[in-house]
Amino acid sequence: MKINKEWHKKNKMPKNATFEQRVKWHIEHQKNCACRPIPEKLLGEMSLQKSLD
């Protein structure tokens, strides 16, 4: 998998990120970098949150 170093330098995950910040960061990460997928645990939390809306 290829890492987009420039994107990572400009887009740090916030310290003590909220759920919304984590989701936003990972979605943007998927669009800009192919170094790793969204973590399974977060995908599960996103799915659960969507079903509650």
C-alpha atoms as a PDB file:
ATOM      1  CA  MET A   1       0.000   0.000   0.000  1.00  0.00           C
ATOM      2  CA  LYS A   2       1.264   3.448  -0.884  1.00  0.00           C
ATOM      3  CA  ILE A   3       1.346   6.252   1.679  1.00  0.00           C
ATOM      4  CA  ASN A   4       0.627   9.873   0.776  1.00  0.00           C
ATOM      5  CA  LYS A   5       3.213  11.530   3.042  1.00  0.00           C
ATOM      6  CA  GLU A   6       2.172  15.074   2.106  1.00  0.00           C
ATOM      7  CA  TRP A   7      -1.465  14.413   3.022  1.00  0.00           C
ATOM      8  CA  HIS A   8      -0.439  12.877   6.349  1.00  0.00           C
ATOM      9  CA  LYS A   9       1.793  15.876   7.168  1.00  0.00           C
ATOM     10  CA  LYS A  10      -1.061  18.313   6.548  1.00  0.00           C
ATOM     11  CA  ASN A  11      -3.838  16.235   8.134  1.00  0.00           C
ATOM     12  CA  LYS A  12      -2.977  15.005  11.599  1.00  0.00           C
ATOM     13  CA  MET A  13      -5.627  13.181  13.609  1.00  0.00           C
ATOM     14  CA  PRO A  14      -6.676  15.564  16.408  1.00  0.00           C
ATOM     15  CA  LYS A  15      -5.548  14.630  19.914  1.00  0.00           C
ATOM     16  CA  ASN A  16      -8.435  13.059  21.866  1.00  0.00           C
ATOM     17  CA  ALA A  17     -10.548  13.164  18.691  1.00  0.00           C
ATOM     18  CA  THR A  18     -14.311  12.919  19.012  1.00  0.00           C
ATOM     19  CA  PHE A  19     -16.224  10.235  17.146  1.00  0.00           C
ATOM     20  CA  GLU A  20     -17.216  12.768  14.490  1.00  0.00           C
ATOM     21  CA  GLN A  21     -13.616  13.957  14.062  1.00  0.00           C
ATOM     22  CA  ARG A  22     -12.381  10.371  13.729  1.00  0.00           C
ATOM     23  CA  VAL A  23     -15.020   9.558  11.116  1.00  0.00           C
ATOM     24  CA  LYS A  24     -14.264  12.718   9.120  1.00  0.00           C
ATOM     25  CA  TRP A  25     -10.493  12.104   9.268  1.00  0.00           C
ATOM     26  CA  HIS A  26     -10.769   8.478   8.150  1.00  0.00           C
ATOM     27  CA  ILE A  27     -13.153   9.276   5.296  1.00  0.00           C
ATOM     28  CA  GLU A  28     -10.791  11.968   3.999  1.00  0.00           C
ATOM     29  CA  HIS A  29      -7.880   9.588   4.528  1.00  0.00           C
ATOM     30  CA  GLN A  30      -9.558   6.959   2.329  1.00  0.00           C
ATOM     31  CA  LYS A  31      -9.967   9.564  -0.424  1.00  0.00           C
ATOM     32  CA  ASN A  32      -6.338  10.736  -0.283  1.00  0.00           C
ATOM     33  CA  CYS A  33      -4.157   7.857   0.868  1.00  0.00           C
ATOM     34  CA  ALA A  34      -4.056   4.110   0.356  1.00  0.00           C
ATOM     35  CA  CYS A  35      -1.817   3.193   3.287  1.00  0.00           C
ATOM     36  CA  ARG A  36      -4.534   1.421   5.291  1.00  0.00           C
ATOM     37  CA  PRO A  37      -8.304   0.921   5.464  1.00  0.00           C
ATOM     38  CA  ILE A  38     -10.704   2.379   8.025  1.00  0.00           C
ATOM     39  CA  PRO A  39     -10.328   0.279  11.199  1.00  0.00           C
ATOM     40  CA  GLU A  40     -12.980  -2.425  11.624  1.00  0.00           C
ATOM     41  CA  LYS A  41     -13.942  -1.132  15.079  1.00  0.00           C
ATOM     42  CA  LEU A  42     -14.629   2.358  13.718  1.00  0.00           C
ATOM     43  CA  LEU A  43     -16.601   0.935  10.777  1.00  0.00           C
ATOM     44  CA  GLY A  44     -18.756  -0.947  13.281  1.00  0.00           C
ATOM     45  CA  GLU A  45     -19.309   2.212  15.338  1.00  0.00           C
ATOM     46  CA  MET A  46     -20.180   4.149  12.169  1.00  0.00           C
ATOM     47  CA  SER A  47     -22.681   1.481  11.146  1.00  0.00           C
ATOM     48  CA  LEU A  48     -24.263   1.469  14.606  1.00  0.00           C
ATOM     49  CA  GLN A  49     -24.490   5.276  14.665  1.00  0.00           C
ATOM     50  CA  LYS A  50     -26.101   5.309  11.199  1.00  0.00           C
ATOM     51  CA  SER A  51     -28.729   2.796  12.306  1.00  0.00           C
ATOM     52  CA  LEU A  52     -29.584   4.998  15.321  1.00  0.00           C
ATOM     53  CA  ASP A  53     -30.146   8.115  13.174  1.00  0.00           C
END
